PDB file of N, CA and C in Angstrom:
ATOM      1  N   MET A   1      90.101  90.040 107.076  1.00  0.00           N
ATOM      2  CA  MET A   1      90.763  91.087 106.356  1.00  0.00           C
ATOM      3  C   MET A   1      91.956  90.527 105.598  1.00  0.00           C
ATOM      4  N   THR A   2      91.693  89.667 104.674  1.00  0.00           N
ATOM      5  CA  THR A   2      92.773  89.110 103.872  1.00  0.00           C
ATOM      6  C   THR A   2      92.765  89.780 102.516  1.00  0.00           C
ATOM      7  N   LEU A   3      93.926  90.118 102.032  1.00  0.00           N
ATOM      8  CA  LEU A   3      94.081  90.733 100.735  1.00  0.00           C
ATOM      9  C   LEU A   3      94.621  89.698  99.764  1.00  0.00           C
ATOM     10  N   PRO A   4      93.980  89.543  98.611  1.00  0.00           N
ATOM     11  CA  PRO A   4      94.501  88.576  97.643  1.00  0.00           C
ATOM     12  C   PRO A   4      95.790  89.089  97.030  1.00  0.00           C
ATOM     13  N   ILE A   5      96.669  88.170  96.699  1.00  0.00           N
ATOM     14  CA  ILE A   5      97.909  88.543  96.029  1.00  0.00           C
ATOM     15  C   ILE A   5      97.598  88.645  94.546  1.00  0.00           C
ATOM     16  N   GLY A   6      97.772  89.837  94.004  1.00  0.00           N
ATOM     17  CA  GLY A   6      97.472  90.083  92.605  1.00  0.00           C
ATOM     18  C   GLY A   6      98.693  90.577  91.867  1.00  0.00           C
ATOM     19  N   GLY A   7      98.528  90.824  90.594  1.00  0.00           N
ATOM     20  CA  GLY A   7      99.636  91.289  89.783  1.00  0.00           C
ATOM     21  C   GLY A   7      99.765  92.797  89.813  1.00  0.00           C
ATOM     22  N   ILE A   8     100.906  93.287  89.469  1.00  0.00           N
ATOM     23  CA  ILE A   8     101.136  94.712  89.331  1.00  0.00           C
ATOM     24  C   ILE A   8     101.005  95.021  87.854  1.00  0.00           C
ATOM     25  N   PRO A   9      99.930  95.697  87.462  1.00  0.00           N
ATOM     26  CA  PRO A   9      99.711  95.919  86.036  1.00  0.00           C
ATOM     27  C   PRO A   9     100.835  96.684  85.360  1.00  0.00           C
ATOM     28  N   GLY A  10     101.392  97.689  85.993  1.00  0.00           N
ATOM     29  CA  GLY A  10     102.416  98.499  85.351  1.00  0.00           C
ATOM     30  C   GLY A  10     103.731  97.775  85.189  1.00  0.00           C
ATOM     31  N   ILE A  11     104.114  96.983  86.180  1.00  0.00           N
ATOM     32  CA  ILE A  11     105.408  96.312  86.144  1.00  0.00           C
ATOM     33  C   ILE A  11     105.267  94.896  85.620  1.00  0.00           C
ATOM     34  N   GLY A  12     104.192  94.213  85.984  1.00  0.00           N
ATOM     35  CA  GLY A  12     103.998  92.838  85.537  1.00  0.00           C
ATOM     36  C   GLY A  12     103.917  92.731  84.027  1.00  0.00           C
ATOM     37  N   ALA A  13     103.290  93.727  83.388  1.00  0.00           N
ATOM     38  CA  ALA A  13     103.182  93.685  81.935  1.00  0.00           C
ATOM     39  C   ALA A  13     104.527  93.912  81.276  1.00  0.00           C
ATOM     40  N   ALA A  14     105.358  94.730  81.908  1.00  0.00           N
ATOM     41  CA  ALA A  14     106.658  95.028  81.311  1.00  0.00           C
ATOM     42  C   ALA A  14     107.636  93.858  81.440  1.00  0.00           C
ATOM     43  N   PHE A  15     107.586  93.162  82.572  1.00  0.00           N
ATOM     44  CA  PHE A  15     108.533  92.083  82.822  1.00  0.00           C
ATOM     45  C   PHE A  15     107.932  90.697  82.659  1.00  0.00           C
ATOM     46  N   GLY A  16     106.602  90.609  82.493  1.00  0.00           N
ATOM     47  CA  GLY A  16     105.970  89.320  82.304  1.00  0.00           C
ATOM     48  C   GLY A  16     105.848  88.517  83.591  1.00  0.00           C
ATOM     49  N   VAL A  17     105.808  89.197  84.741  1.00  0.00           N
ATOM     50  CA  VAL A  17     105.681  88.507  86.008  1.00  0.00           C
ATOM     51  C   VAL A  17     104.564  89.130  86.816  1.00  0.00           C
ATOM     52  N   GLY A  18     104.065  88.382  87.795  1.00  0.00           N
ATOM     53  CA  GLY A  18     103.054  88.900  88.693  1.00  0.00           C
ATOM     54  C   GLY A  18     103.687  89.713  89.780  1.00  0.00           C
ATOM     55  N   GLY A  19     102.868  90.236  90.677  1.00  0.00           N
ATOM     56  CA  GLY A  19     103.406  91.078  91.728  1.00  0.00           C
ATOM     57  C   GLY A  19     102.706  90.857  93.037  1.00  0.00           C
ATOM     58  N   VAL A  20     102.680  91.871  93.844  1.00  0.00           N
ATOM     59  CA  VAL A  20     102.154  91.788  95.188  1.00  0.00           C
ATOM     60  C   VAL A  20     100.957  92.706  95.303  1.00  0.00           C
ATOM     61  N   ALA A  21      99.941  92.267  96.012  1.00  0.00           N
ATOM     62  CA  ALA A  21      98.750  93.083  96.206  1.00  0.00           C
ATOM     63  C   ALA A  21      99.120  94.354  96.941  1.00  0.00           C
ATOM     64  N   GLY A  22      98.404  95.429  96.636  1.00  0.00           N
ATOM     65  CA  GLY A  22      98.623  96.679  97.333  1.00  0.00           C
ATOM     66  C   GLY A  22      99.588  97.611  96.640  1.00  0.00           C
ATOM     67  N   ILE A  23     100.260  97.156  95.616  1.00  0.00           N
ATOM     68  CA  ILE A  23     101.177  98.021  94.880  1.00  0.00           C
ATOM     69  C   ILE A  23     100.659  98.109  93.455  1.00  0.00           C
ATOM     70  N   ASP A  24     100.145  99.267  93.091  1.00  0.00           N
ATOM     71  CA  ASP A  24      99.578  99.475  91.765  1.00  0.00           C
ATOM     72  C   ASP A  24     100.219 100.707  91.150  1.00  0.00           C
ATOM     73  N   THR A  25     100.992 100.508  90.117  1.00  0.00           N
ATOM     74  CA  THR A  25     101.717 101.618  89.504  1.00  0.00           C
ATOM     75  C   THR A  25     100.961 102.233  88.339  1.00  0.00           C
ATOM     76  N   THR A  26      99.866 101.645  87.905  1.00  0.00           N
ATOM     77  CA  THR A  26      99.168 102.181  86.739  1.00  0.00           C
ATOM     78  C   THR A  26      98.481 103.493  87.070  1.00  0.00           C
ATOM     79  N   ALA A  27      98.013 103.671  88.297  1.00  0.00           N
ATOM     80  CA  ALA A  27      97.338 104.912  88.661  1.00  0.00           C
ATOM     81  C   ALA A  27      98.293 106.090  88.573  1.00  0.00           C
ATOM     82  N   ALA A  28      99.509 105.911  89.031  1.00  0.00           N
ATOM     83  CA  ALA A  28     100.491 106.990  88.980  1.00  0.00           C
ATOM     84  C   ALA A  28     100.906 107.278  87.542  1.00  0.00           C
ATOM     85  N   ALA A  29     101.033 106.246  86.734  1.00  0.00           N
ATOM     86  CA  ALA A  29     101.458 106.444  85.352  1.00  0.00           C
ATOM     87  C   ALA A  29     100.370 107.114  84.540  1.00  0.00           C
ATOM     88  N   GLN A  30      99.106 106.790  84.788  1.00  0.00           N
ATOM     89  CA  GLN A  30      98.017 107.377  84.039  1.00  0.00           C
ATOM     90  C   GLN A  30      97.729 108.808  84.477  1.00  0.00           C
ATOM     91  N   GLY A  31      98.021 109.119  85.734  1.00  0.00           N
ATOM     92  CA  GLY A  31      97.729 110.443  86.240  1.00  0.00           C
ATOM     93  C   GLY A  31      98.751 111.485  85.822  1.00  0.00           C
ATOM     94  N   VAL A  32      99.827 111.106  85.182  1.00  0.00           N
ATOM     95  CA  VAL A  32     100.890 112.040  84.844  1.00  0.00           C
ATOM     96  C   VAL A  32     100.508 112.913  83.656  1.00  0.00           C
ATOM     97  N   GLY A  33      99.817 112.363  82.679  1.00  0.00           N
ATOM     98  CA  GLY A  33      99.384 113.151  81.538  1.00  0.00           C
ATOM     99  C   GLY A  33     100.493 113.396  80.541  1.00  0.00           C
ATOM    100  N   GLY A  34     100.729 114.661  80.191  1.00  0.00           N
ATOM    101  CA  GLY A  34     101.671 115.002  79.134  1.00  0.00           C
ATOM    102  C   GLY A  34     103.063 115.336  79.629  1.00  0.00           C
ATOM    103  N   THR A  35     103.504 114.785  80.709  1.00  0.00           N
ATOM    104  CA  THR A  35     104.838 115.101  81.205  1.00  0.00           C
ATOM    105  C   THR A  35     105.876 114.233  80.531  1.00  0.00           C
ATOM    106  N   ALA A  36     107.120 114.551  80.755  1.00  0.00           N
ATOM    107  CA  ALA A  36     108.227 113.790  80.162  1.00  0.00           C
ATOM    108  C   ALA A  36     108.309 112.413  80.782  1.00  0.00           C
ATOM    109  N   ASN A  37     108.973 111.483  80.088  1.00  0.00           N
ATOM    110  CA  ASN A  37     109.085 110.113  80.578  1.00  0.00           C
ATOM    111  C   ASN A  37     109.809 110.038  81.903  1.00  0.00           C
ATOM    112  N   GLY A  38     110.816 110.869  82.123  1.00  0.00           N
ATOM    113  CA  GLY A  38     111.536 110.878  83.389  1.00  0.00           C
ATOM    114  C   GLY A  38     110.619 111.237  84.540  1.00  0.00           C
ATOM    115  N   ASP A  39     109.718 112.195  84.317  1.00  0.00           N
ATOM    116  CA  ASP A  39     108.758 112.572  85.357  1.00  0.00           C
ATOM    117  C   ASP A  39     107.777 111.441  85.619  1.00  0.00           C
ATOM    118  N   ALA A  40     107.343 110.760  84.556  1.00  0.00           N
ATOM    119  CA  ALA A  40     106.408 109.650  84.722  1.00  0.00           C
ATOM    120  C   ALA A  40     107.068 108.520  85.504  1.00  0.00           C
ATOM    121  N   PHE A  41     108.309 108.216  85.171  1.00  0.00           N
ATOM    122  CA  PHE A  41     109.015 107.146  85.870  1.00  0.00           C
ATOM    123  C   PHE A  41     109.213 107.499  87.335  1.00  0.00           C
ATOM    124  N   SER A  42     109.592 108.722  87.613  1.00  0.00           N
ATOM    125  CA  SER A  42     109.826 109.114  89.011  1.00  0.00           C
ATOM    126  C   SER A  42     108.528 109.116  89.806  1.00  0.00           C
ATOM    127  N   SER A  43     107.409 109.506  89.184  1.00  0.00           N
ATOM    128  CA  SER A  43     106.139 109.493  89.908  1.00  0.00           C
ATOM    129  C   SER A  43     105.662 108.064  90.162  1.00  0.00           C
ATOM    130  N   VAL A  44     105.900 107.173  89.206  1.00  0.00           N
ATOM    131  CA  VAL A  44     105.555 105.761  89.407  1.00  0.00           C
ATOM    132  C   VAL A  44     106.405 105.173  90.524  1.00  0.00           C
ATOM    133  N   LEU A  45     107.685 105.500  90.523  1.00  0.00           N
ATOM    134  CA  LEU A  45     108.596 105.010  91.553  1.00  0.00           C
ATOM    135  C   LEU A  45     108.193 105.531  92.935  1.00  0.00           C
ATOM    136  N   ALA A  46     107.869 106.804  93.009  1.00  0.00           N
ATOM    137  CA  ALA A  46     107.462 107.398  94.290  1.00  0.00           C
ATOM    138  C   ALA A  46     106.167 106.770  94.787  1.00  0.00           C
ATOM    139  N   ALA A  47     105.211 106.556  93.892  1.00  0.00           N
ATOM    140  CA  ALA A  47     103.950 105.940  94.289  1.00  0.00           C
ATOM    141  C   ALA A  47     104.169 104.501  94.755  1.00  0.00           C
ATOM    142  N   THR A  48     105.067 103.784  94.099  1.00  0.00           N
ATOM    143  CA  THR A  48     105.362 102.407  94.488  1.00  0.00           C
ATOM    144  C   THR A  48     105.980 102.353  95.875  1.00  0.00           C
ATOM    145  N   PHE A  49     106.909 103.275  96.160  1.00  0.00           N
ATOM    146  CA  PHE A  49     107.523 103.305  97.487  1.00  0.00           C
ATOM    147  C   PHE A  49     106.512 103.690  98.558  1.00  0.00           C
ATOM    148  N   ASP A  50     105.591 104.599  98.235  1.00  0.00           N
ATOM    149  CA  ASP A  50     104.552 104.971  99.197  1.00  0.00           C
ATOM    150  C   ASP A  50     103.647 103.779  99.502  1.00  0.00           C
ATOM    151  N   GLN A  51     103.276 103.032  98.467  1.00  0.00           N
ATOM    152  CA  GLN A  51     102.423 101.870  98.675  1.00  0.00           C
ATOM    153  C   GLN A  51     103.163 100.756  99.398  1.00  0.00           C
ATOM    154  N   LEU A  52     104.459 100.630  99.151  1.00  0.00           N
ATOM    155  CA  LEU A  52     105.262  99.655  99.884  1.00  0.00           C
ATOM    156  C   LEU A  52     105.291 100.004 101.360  1.00  0.00           C
ATOM    157  N   GLN A  53     105.455 101.281 101.663  1.00  0.00           N
ATOM    158  CA  GLN A  53     105.465 101.722 103.050  1.00  0.00           C
ATOM    159  C   GLN A  53     104.111 101.470 103.708  1.00  0.00           C
ATOM    160  N   ALA A  54     103.020 101.675 102.974  1.00  0.00           N
ATOM    161  CA  ALA A  54     101.690 101.419 103.520  1.00  0.00           C
ATOM    162  C   ALA A  54     101.491  99.925 103.790  1.00  0.00           C
ATOM    163  N   THR A  55     101.997  99.080 102.903  1.00  0.00           N
ATOM    164  CA  THR A  55     101.899  97.631 103.100  1.00  0.00           C
ATOM    165  C   THR A  55     102.668  97.204 104.345  1.00  0.00           C
ATOM    166  N   GLN A  56     103.849  97.778 104.537  1.00  0.00           N
ATOM    167  CA  GLN A  56     104.650  97.453 105.718  1.00  0.00           C
ATOM    168  C   GLN A  56     103.998  97.991 106.992  1.00  0.00           C
ATOM    169  N   ALA A  57     103.390  99.175 106.913  1.00  0.00           N
ATOM    170  CA  ALA A  57     102.719  99.740 108.082  1.00  0.00           C
ATOM    171  C   ALA A  57     101.520  98.881 108.485  1.00  0.00           C
ATOM    172  N   ASN A  58     100.800  98.355 107.500  1.00  0.00           N
ATOM    173  CA  ASN A  58      99.669  97.470 107.786  1.00  0.00           C
ATOM    174  C   ASN A  58     100.147  96.208 108.489  1.00  0.00           C
ATOM    175  N   ALA A  59     101.226  95.629 107.993  1.00  0.00           N
ATOM    176  CA  ALA A  59     101.768  94.417 108.618  1.00  0.00           C
ATOM    177  C   ALA A  59     102.265  94.711 110.038  1.00  0.00           C
ATOM    178  N   ASP A  60     102.888  95.871 110.222  1.00  0.00           N
ATOM    179  CA  ASP A  60     103.365  96.239 111.555  1.00  0.00           C
ATOM    180  C   ASP A  60     102.206  96.458 112.527  1.00  0.00           C
ATOM    181  N   GLY A  61     101.132  97.059 112.040  1.00  0.00           N
ATOM    182  CA  GLY A  61      99.950  97.255 112.881  1.00  0.00           C
ATOM    183  C   GLY A  61      99.323  95.929 113.293  1.00  0.00           C
ATOM    184  N   LEU A  62      99.243  94.998 112.356  1.00  0.00           N
ATOM    185  CA  LEU A  62      98.712  93.679 112.684  1.00  0.00           C
ATOM    186  C   LEU A  62      99.636  92.931 113.637  1.00  0.00           C
ATOM    187  N   ALA A  63     100.953  93.153 113.518  1.00  0.00           N
ATOM    188  CA  ALA A  63     101.909  92.515 114.430  1.00  0.00           C
ATOM    189  C   ALA A  63     101.701  93.030 115.848  1.00  0.00           C
ATOM    190  N   ALA A  64     101.465  94.320 115.981  1.00  0.00           N
ATOM    191  CA  ALA A  64     101.217  94.894 117.312  1.00  0.00           C
ATOM    192  C   ALA A  64      99.927  94.337 117.907  1.00  0.00           C
ATOM    193  N   LYS A  65      98.901  94.197 117.067  1.00  0.00           N
ATOM    194  CA  LYS A  65      97.643  93.620 117.557  1.00  0.00           C
ATOM    195  C   LYS A  65      97.833  92.158 117.970  1.00  0.00           C
ATOM    196  N   ALA A  66      98.617  91.419 117.205  1.00  0.00           N
ATOM    197  CA  ALA A  66      98.872  90.017 117.541  1.00  0.00           C
ATOM    198  C   ALA A  66      99.645  89.908 118.844  1.00  0.00           C
ATOM    199  N   ALA A  67     100.581  90.815 119.071  1.00  0.00           N
ATOM    200  CA  ALA A  67     101.388  90.773 120.291  1.00  0.00           C
ATOM    201  C   ALA A  67     100.570  91.113 121.528  1.00  0.00           C
ATOM    202  N   THR A  68      99.581  91.995 121.375  1.00  0.00           N
ATOM    203  CA  THR A  68      98.750  92.380 122.518  1.00  0.00           C
ATOM    204  C   THR A  68      97.548  91.467 122.701  1.00  0.00           C
ATOM    205  N   GLY A  69      97.291  90.602 121.735  1.00  0.00           N
ATOM    206  CA  GLY A  69      96.166  89.680 121.847  1.00  0.00           C
ATOM    207  C   GLY A  69      94.870  90.234 121.294  1.00  0.00           C
ATOM    208  N   ASP A  70      94.926  91.381 120.627  1.00  0.00           N
ATOM    209  CA  ASP A  70      93.719  91.995 120.061  1.00  0.00           C
ATOM    210  C   ASP A  70      93.354  91.446 118.690  1.00  0.00           C
ATOM    211  N   LEU A  71      94.246  90.693 118.082  1.00  0.00           N
ATOM    212  CA  LEU A  71      94.009  90.163 116.744  1.00  0.00           C
ATOM    213  C   LEU A  71      93.286  88.825 116.862  1.00  0.00           C
ATOM    214  N   LYS A  72      92.130  88.713 116.212  1.00  0.00           N
ATOM    215  CA  LYS A  72      91.339  87.483 116.301  1.00  0.00           C
ATOM    216  C   LYS A  72      91.910  86.375 115.423  1.00  0.00           C
ATOM    217  N   ASP A  73      92.323  86.732 114.229  1.00  0.00           N
ATOM    218  CA  ASP A  73      92.839  85.739 113.291  1.00  0.00           C
ATOM    219  C   ASP A  73      94.318  86.018 113.022  1.00  0.00           C
ATOM    220  N   VAL A  74      95.176  85.152 113.516  1.00  0.00           N
ATOM    221  CA  VAL A  74      96.617  85.335 113.348  1.00  0.00           C
ATOM    222  C   VAL A  74      97.015  85.187 111.893  1.00  0.00           C
ATOM    223  N   HIS A  75      96.242  84.437 111.129  1.00  0.00           N
ATOM    224  CA  HIS A  75      96.602  84.251 109.730  1.00  0.00           C
ATOM    225  C   HIS A  75      96.536  85.564 108.956  1.00  0.00           C
ATOM    226  N   ASP A  76      95.731  86.541 109.405  1.00  0.00           N
ATOM    227  CA  ASP A  76      95.723  87.851 108.749  1.00  0.00           C
ATOM    228  C   ASP A  76      97.093  88.511 108.850  1.00  0.00           C
ATOM    229  N   TYR A  77      97.714  88.392 110.017  1.00  0.00           N
ATOM    230  CA  TYR A  77      99.055  88.947 110.194  1.00  0.00           C
ATOM    231  C   TYR A  77     100.069  88.211 109.318  1.00  0.00           C
ATOM    232  N   MET A  78      99.977  86.902 109.271  1.00  0.00           N
ATOM    233  CA  MET A  78     100.927  86.125 108.474  1.00  0.00           C
ATOM    234  C   MET A  78     100.814  86.456 106.988  1.00  0.00           C
ATOM    235  N   ILE A  79      99.599  86.645 106.518  1.00  0.00           N
ATOM    236  CA  ILE A  79      99.389  87.009 105.116  1.00  0.00           C
ATOM    237  C   ILE A  79      99.943  88.396 104.847  1.00  0.00           C
ATOM    238  N   ALA A  80      99.666  89.356 105.739  1.00  0.00           N
ATOM    239  CA  ALA A  80     100.172  90.724 105.556  1.00  0.00           C
ATOM    240  C   ALA A  80     101.694  90.758 105.601  1.00  0.00           C
ATOM    241  N   ARG A  81     102.300  89.988 106.498  1.00  0.00           N
ATOM    242  CA  ARG A  81     103.759  89.957 106.590  1.00  0.00           C
ATOM    243  C   ARG A  81     104.358  89.329 105.332  1.00  0.00           C
ATOM    244  N   SER A  82     103.729  88.297 104.795  1.00  0.00           N
ATOM    245  CA  SER A  82     104.223  87.673 103.559  1.00  0.00           C
ATOM    246  C   SER A  82     104.111  88.633 102.383  1.00  0.00           C
ATOM    247  N   GLU A  83     102.990  89.356 102.294  1.00  0.00           N
ATOM    248  CA  GLU A  83     102.831  90.336 101.224  1.00  0.00           C
ATOM    249  C   GLU A  83     103.887  91.425 101.334  1.00  0.00           C
ATOM    250  N   SER A  84     104.135  91.873 102.549  1.00  0.00           N
ATOM    251  CA  SER A  84     105.147  92.908 102.769  1.00  0.00           C
ATOM    252  C   SER A  84     106.535  92.407 102.376  1.00  0.00           C
ATOM    253  N   SER A  85     106.849  91.193 102.746  1.00  0.00           N
ATOM    254  CA  SER A  85     108.146  90.612 102.412  1.00  0.00           C
ATOM    255  C   SER A  85     108.316  90.465 100.901  1.00  0.00           C
ATOM    256  N   LEU A  86     107.281  89.998 100.228  1.00  0.00           N
ATOM    257  CA  LEU A  86     107.349  89.849  98.776  1.00  0.00           C
ATOM    258  C   LEU A  86     107.486  91.200  98.088  1.00  0.00           C
ATOM    259  N   ALA A  87     106.798  92.212  98.602  1.00  0.00           N
ATOM    260  CA  ALA A  87     106.887  93.545  98.016  1.00  0.00           C
ATOM    261  C   ALA A  87     108.298  94.095  98.152  1.00  0.00           C
ATOM    262  N   VAL A  88     108.916  93.892  99.321  1.00  0.00           N
ATOM    263  CA  VAL A  88     110.287  94.369  99.518  1.00  0.00           C
ATOM    264  C   VAL A  88     111.234  93.649  98.567  1.00  0.00           C
ATOM    265  N   GLU A  89     111.096  92.346  98.442  1.00  0.00           N
ATOM    266  CA  GLU A  89     111.966  91.585  97.536  1.00  0.00           C
ATOM    267  C   GLU A  89     111.808  92.057  96.097  1.00  0.00           C
ATOM    268  N   MET A  90     110.572  92.349  95.681  1.00  0.00           N
ATOM    269  CA  MET A  90     110.330  92.797  94.323  1.00  0.00           C
ATOM    270  C   MET A  90     110.952  94.165  94.086  1.00  0.00           C
ATOM    271  N   VAL A  91     110.773  95.092  95.024  1.00  0.00           N
ATOM    272  CA  VAL A  91     111.322  96.435  94.865  1.00  0.00           C
ATOM    273  C   VAL A  91     112.855  96.392  94.846  1.00  0.00           C
ATOM    274  N   VAL A  92     113.448  95.569  95.687  1.00  0.00           N
ATOM    275  CA  VAL A  92     114.906  95.437  95.693  1.00  0.00           C
ATOM    276  C   VAL A  92     115.392  94.822  94.378  1.00  0.00           C
ATOM    277  N   GLY A  93     114.674  93.854  93.862  1.00  0.00           N
ATOM    278  CA  GLY A  93     115.035  93.254  92.575  1.00  0.00           C
ATOM    279  C   GLY A  93     114.968  94.251  91.435  1.00  0.00           C
ATOM    280  N   ILE A  94     113.920  95.077  91.428  1.00  0.00           N
ATOM    281  CA  ILE A  94     113.787  96.098  90.390  1.00  0.00           C
ATOM    282  C   ILE A  94     114.893  97.137  90.526  1.00  0.00           C
ATOM    283  N   LYS A  95     115.211  97.509  91.760  1.00  0.00           N
ATOM    284  CA  LYS A  95     116.303  98.460  91.991  1.00  0.00           C
ATOM    285  C   LYS A  95     117.618  97.902  91.484  1.00  0.00           C
ATOM    286  N   ASN A  96     117.883  96.634  91.755  1.00  0.00           N
ATOM    287  CA  ASN A  96     119.120  96.006  91.299  1.00  0.00           C
ATOM    288  C   ASN A  96     119.208  95.983  89.773  1.00  0.00           C
ATOM    289  N   LYS A  97     118.108  95.694  89.112  1.00  0.00           N
ATOM    290  CA  LYS A  97     118.095  95.686  87.643  1.00  0.00           C
ATOM    291  C   LYS A  97     118.306  97.092  87.094  1.00  0.00           C
ATOM    292  N   ALA A  98     117.735  98.105  87.750  1.00  0.00           N
ATOM    293  CA  ALA A  98     117.926  99.485  87.297  1.00  0.00           C
ATOM    294  C   ALA A  98     119.387  99.901  87.454  1.00  0.00           C
ATOM    295  N   VAL A  99     120.014  99.514  88.559  1.00  0.00           N
ATOM    296  CA  VAL A  99     121.434  99.826  88.766  1.00  0.00           C
ATOM    297  C   VAL A  99     122.291  99.094  87.730  1.00  0.00           C
ATOM    298  N   ASP A 100     121.979  97.844  87.452  1.00  0.00           N
ATOM    299  CA  ASP A 100     122.710  97.099  86.430  1.00  0.00           C
ATOM    300  C   ASP A 100     122.584  97.768  85.061  1.00  0.00           C
ATOM    301  N   ALA A 101     121.363  98.217  84.733  1.00  0.00           N
ATOM    302  CA  ALA A 101     121.155  98.890  83.449  1.00  0.00           C
ATOM    303  C   ALA A 101     121.944 100.194  83.392  1.00  0.00           C
ATOM    304  N   PHE A 102     121.944 100.949  84.485  1.00  0.00           N
ATOM    305  CA  PHE A 102     122.715 102.198  84.529  1.00  0.00           C
ATOM    306  C   PHE A 102     124.198 101.923  84.348  1.00  0.00           C
ATOM    307  N   ASN A 103     124.713 100.920  85.041  1.00  0.00           N
ATOM    308  CA  ASN A 103     126.136 100.580  84.903  1.00  0.00           C
ATOM    309  C   ASN A 103     126.475 100.147  83.484  1.00  0.00           C
ATOM    310  N   GLU A 104     125.577  99.419  82.848  1.00  0.00           N
ATOM    311  CA  GLU A 104     125.802  98.991  81.468  1.00  0.00           C
ATOM    312  C   GLU A 104     125.818 100.194  80.525  1.00  0.00           C
ATOM    313  N   ILE A 105     124.951 101.143  80.760  1.00  0.00           N
ATOM    314  CA  ILE A 105     124.923 102.356  79.933  1.00  0.00           C
ATOM    315  C   ILE A 105     126.221 103.143  80.129  1.00  0.00           C
ATOM    316  N   MET A 106     126.690 103.203  81.350  1.00  0.00           N
ATOM    317  CA  MET A 106     127.923 103.959  81.635  1.00  0.00           C
ATOM    318  C   MET A 106     129.144 103.300  80.986  1.00  0.00           C
ATOM    319  N   ARG A 107     129.105 102.004  80.755  1.00  0.00           N
ATOM    320  CA  ARG A 107     130.228 101.299  80.110  1.00  0.00           C
ATOM    321  C   ARG A 107     130.232 101.423  78.596  1.00  0.00           C
ATOM    322  N   MET A 108     129.141 101.949  78.019  1.00  0.00           N
ATOM    323  CA  MET A 108     129.079 102.083  76.565  1.00  0.00           C
ATOM    324  C   MET A 108     130.063 103.121  76.069  1.00  0.00           C
ATOM    325  N   PRO A 109     130.750 102.825  74.968  1.00  0.00           N
ATOM    326  CA  PRO A 109     131.676 103.830  74.415  1.00  0.00           C
ATOM    327  C   PRO A 109     130.887 104.967  73.758  1.00  0.00           C
ATOM    328  N   ILE A 110     131.475 106.133  73.809  1.00  0.00           N
ATOM    329  CA  ILE A 110     130.794 107.310  73.234  1.00  0.00           C
ATOM    330  C   ILE A 110     131.209 107.484  71.796  1.00  0.00           C
TER     331      ILE A 110
END
């Protein structure tokens, strides 16, 4: 049960970088339809956080199996934990850039 590390189509295309498997923002962005950009952004953000939580829950479940001896391949846990760690780092990085952009906008003269 290994998941390949793939790119995030919605964010990778915007920033020119790859991402972590299990987080796909294009489905949320395409499902919004004719709503305002703020609604689309918030739905993409919410979907990303939900998928991040699912990635972490998967890694936690594999950790519990590894601790009890029910996990046959320990490398599955290591891969899931690495994916979870990379996803958290990416989300924190995006959050930091969004806060920086907000602060820069607030410093603009009116």
